[in-house]
Amino acid sequence: VNPRVVLLDLGLDNGDSLAVARAVRMKFLDAKIIVMDLLPAHEEIVEFISVGVSGFIMKDASLDEVVGTIRSVAAGNEVLPTEMTARLFSEIAKEAVMNGGVAEDSVRLTPRELEVIDLIAEGLSNKGIGRRLSISTHTVKSHLRNIMEKLTLHTRLQIAAYAHGVDDAS
């Protein structure tokens, strides 16, 4: 049986939750992984995102938040608790720029791509973005591919981080 969603506690006794996340990704390619912790360090969050974790849940989250996150991740969304979002987005964007992942001066984004980035940062799904901009979900996906290619990013979380980094700079 292949799991759809795997909930991974960062408090594992062996302390190597990242290795467990990697192993789950390799064995169950279609499984979505959610990490649970009190407040993981920025570096940990970045590492987990880089191995393909789809969501995070705070250990003190309510039952409704836990169930909502699991359902949202199962539906294909990426989820960060509000406690992590602003701080993490700023840090990821700064790191990407510092490491050469995003050369902001040389990137030419279209006005529509900038709108899509803003709506991702608001947490909208592809369907929600399509509705808001009166375009098809297919067109939204095309914009996402272009944005990721231009900014050398790989996930929606990184796009949102980029958006918040740009907001912080202004």
Protein backbone atom coordinates (compact mmCIF):
# COMPACT_ATOMS: atom_id res chain seq x y z
CA VAL A 1 0.00 0.00 0.00
CA ASN A 2 1.41 3.38 -0.99
CA PRO A 3 0.66 6.21 1.46
CA ARG A 4 -0.80 9.44 0.10
CA VAL A 5 0.41 11.57 3.01
CA VAL A 6 3.16 10.86 5.55
CA LEU A 7 3.30 12.82 8.82
CA LEU A 8 6.89 13.02 10.08
CA ASP A 9 7.74 14.17 13.61
CA LEU A 10 11.04 16.08 13.78
CA GLY A 11 11.45 14.79 17.31
CA LEU A 12 12.54 11.32 16.19
CA ASP A 13 14.76 9.60 18.73
CA ASN A 14 17.60 9.10 16.25
CA GLY A 15 17.42 12.79 15.32
CA ASP A 16 17.71 12.14 11.59
CA SER A 17 14.27 13.14 10.33
CA LEU A 18 15.79 14.52 7.14
CA ALA A 19 17.13 11.08 6.23
CA VAL A 20 13.70 9.60 6.91
CA ALA A 21 12.08 12.25 4.68
CA ARG A 22 14.55 11.43 1.88
CA ALA A 23 13.88 7.70 2.25
CA VAL A 24 10.10 8.25 2.12
CA ARG A 25 10.48 10.43 -1.00
CA MET A 26 12.57 7.74 -2.71
CA LYS A 27 10.37 4.80 -1.77
CA PHE A 28 6.97 6.46 -2.22
CA LEU A 29 7.40 8.95 -5.06
CA ASP A 30 3.78 10.10 -5.02
CA ALA A 31 3.49 10.46 -1.24
CA LYS A 32 3.23 13.95 0.22
CA ILE A 33 5.25 14.56 3.37
CA ILE A 34 4.25 16.82 6.23
CA VAL A 35 6.78 17.67 8.95
CA MET A 36 5.64 18.34 12.51
CA ASP A 37 7.71 20.32 15.03
CA LEU A 38 7.46 23.11 17.59
CA LEU A 39 9.30 25.68 15.49
CA PRO A 40 11.97 24.22 13.23
CA ALA A 41 15.06 26.29 12.53
CA HIS A 42 15.15 28.11 9.22
CA GLU A 43 17.93 25.84 7.95
CA GLU A 44 15.87 22.74 8.77
CA ILE A 45 12.85 24.08 6.91
CA VAL A 46 14.98 24.85 3.85
CA GLU A 47 16.51 21.35 3.93
CA PHE A 48 13.09 19.71 4.18
CA ILE A 49 11.70 21.82 1.34
CA SER A 50 14.70 20.89 -0.79
CA VAL A 51 13.97 17.16 -0.37
CA GLY A 52 10.33 17.68 -1.32
CA VAL A 53 8.38 18.09 1.91
CA SER A 54 4.95 19.54 1.11
CA GLY A 55 3.90 20.94 4.46
CA PHE A 56 4.64 21.76 8.05
CA ILE A 57 2.45 21.56 11.14
CA MET A 58 3.22 23.11 14.49
CA LYS A 59 3.08 20.58 17.35
CA ASP A 60 0.74 22.88 19.25
CA ALA A 61 -1.66 23.15 16.30
CA SER A 62 -5.33 22.54 16.88
CA LEU A 63 -6.96 19.36 15.59
CA ASP A 64 -8.72 21.43 12.90
CA GLU A 65 -5.36 22.85 11.74
CA VAL A 66 -3.79 19.38 11.62
CA VAL A 67 -6.69 17.90 9.66
CA GLY A 68 -6.86 20.95 7.39
CA THR A 69 -3.14 20.75 6.62
CA ILE A 70 -3.32 17.03 5.88
CA ARG A 71 -6.30 17.53 3.56
CA SER A 72 -4.69 20.49 1.82
CA VAL A 73 -1.40 18.66 1.25
CA ALA A 74 -3.28 15.56 0.04
CA ALA A 75 -5.02 17.82 -2.50
CA GLY A 76 -1.62 18.90 -3.84
CA ASN A 77 -1.03 22.15 -1.97
CA GLU A 78 2.05 23.18 0.01
CA VAL A 79 1.38 24.43 3.53
CA LEU A 80 3.32 26.47 6.06
CA PRO A 81 1.89 27.57 9.39
CA THR A 82 1.45 31.32 9.69
CA GLU A 83 4.02 31.35 12.52
CA MET A 84 6.73 30.37 10.03
CA THR A 85 5.63 32.08 6.87
CA ALA A 86 6.89 35.68 6.94
CA ARG A 87 10.23 34.89 8.58
CA LEU A 88 10.89 31.87 6.39
CA PHE A 89 9.90 33.54 3.13
CA SER A 90 12.27 36.43 3.77
CA GLU A 91 15.13 34.12 4.69
CA ILE A 92 14.68 31.83 1.67
CA ALA A 93 14.54 34.79 -0.72
CA LYS A 94 17.68 36.34 0.77
CA GLU A 95 19.49 33.00 0.56
CA ALA A 96 18.45 32.45 -3.03
CA VAL A 97 19.76 35.89 -4.01
CA MET A 98 22.99 35.46 -2.02
CA ASN A 99 23.64 32.02 -3.53
CA GLY A 100 23.04 33.21 -7.06
CA GLY A 101 19.74 31.36 -7.40
CA VAL A 102 17.96 34.55 -8.35
CA ALA A 103 19.76 37.30 -10.23
CA GLU A 104 17.06 39.90 -9.72
CA ASP A 105 18.61 42.51 -12.01
CA SER A 106 18.71 40.16 -14.99
CA VAL A 107 15.25 38.57 -14.57
CA ARG A 108 12.51 39.92 -16.81
CA LEU A 109 9.12 38.88 -15.49
CA THR A 110 5.96 39.83 -17.36
CA PRO A 111 3.25 41.80 -15.58
CA ARG A 112 1.06 38.65 -15.61
CA GLU A 113 3.87 36.57 -14.06
CA LEU A 114 4.22 39.18 -11.32
CA GLU A 115 0.47 38.94 -10.67
CA VAL A 116 0.73 35.14 -10.44
CA ILE A 117 3.66 35.45 -7.99
CA ASP A 118 1.63 37.81 -5.79
CA LEU A 119 -1.34 35.43 -5.78
CA ILE A 120 0.89 32.47 -4.89
CA ALA A 121 2.24 34.55 -2.00
CA GLU A 122 -1.38 35.07 -0.90
CA GLY A 123 -1.75 31.27 -0.82
CA LEU A 124 -4.10 30.84 -3.77
CA SER A 125 -4.24 27.51 -5.62
CA ASN A 126 -3.82 27.32 -9.40
CA LYS A 127 -7.60 27.17 -9.70
CA GLY A 128 -7.98 30.21 -7.42
CA ILE A 129 -5.37 32.15 -9.39
CA GLY A 130 -7.14 31.24 -12.63
CA ARG A 131 -10.47 32.46 -11.26
CA ARG A 132 -8.98 35.70 -9.93
CA LEU A 133 -7.19 36.47 -13.22
CA SER A 134 -9.92 35.03 -15.50
CA ILE A 135 -7.49 32.58 -17.10
CA SER A 136 -7.47 28.78 -17.34
CA THR A 137 -5.65 26.54 -14.86
CA HIS A 138 -3.52 25.38 -17.80
CA THR A 139 -2.42 28.98 -18.40
CA VAL A 140 -1.62 29.40 -14.69
CA LYS A 141 0.58 26.28 -14.86
CA SER A 142 2.33 27.71 -17.92
CA HIS A 143 3.05 30.95 -16.04
CA LEU A 144 4.36 28.92 -13.08
CA ARG A 145 6.74 26.98 -15.33
CA ASN A 146 8.02 30.24 -16.82
CA ILE A 147 8.44 31.85 -13.40
CA MET A 148 10.31 28.84 -12.02
CA GLU A 149 12.58 28.74 -15.05
CA LYS A 150 13.32 32.48 -14.98
CA LEU A 151 13.97 32.57 -11.24
CA THR A 152 15.61 29.12 -11.07
CA LEU A 153 13.13 28.06 -8.40
CA HIS A 154 11.58 24.63 -7.96
CA THR A 155 8.48 24.93 -5.76
CA ARG A 156 5.54 27.20 -5.02
CA LEU A 157 7.01 27.82 -1.56
CA GLN A 158 10.16 29.20 -3.15
CA ILE A 159 8.07 31.43 -5.43
CA ALA A 160 6.19 32.75 -2.40
CA ALA A 161 9.52 33.28 -0.63
CA TYR A 162 10.74 35.26 -3.61
CA ALA A 163 7.57 37.39 -3.50
CA HIS A 164 8.01 38.15 0.19
CA GLY A 165 11.72 38.90 -0.32
CA VAL A 166 10.85 41.40 -3.04
CA ASP A 167 8.19 42.95 -0.76
CA ASP A 168 10.74 43.26 2.06
CA ALA A 169 13.20 45.03 -0.22
CA SER A 170 10.73 47.76 -1.16
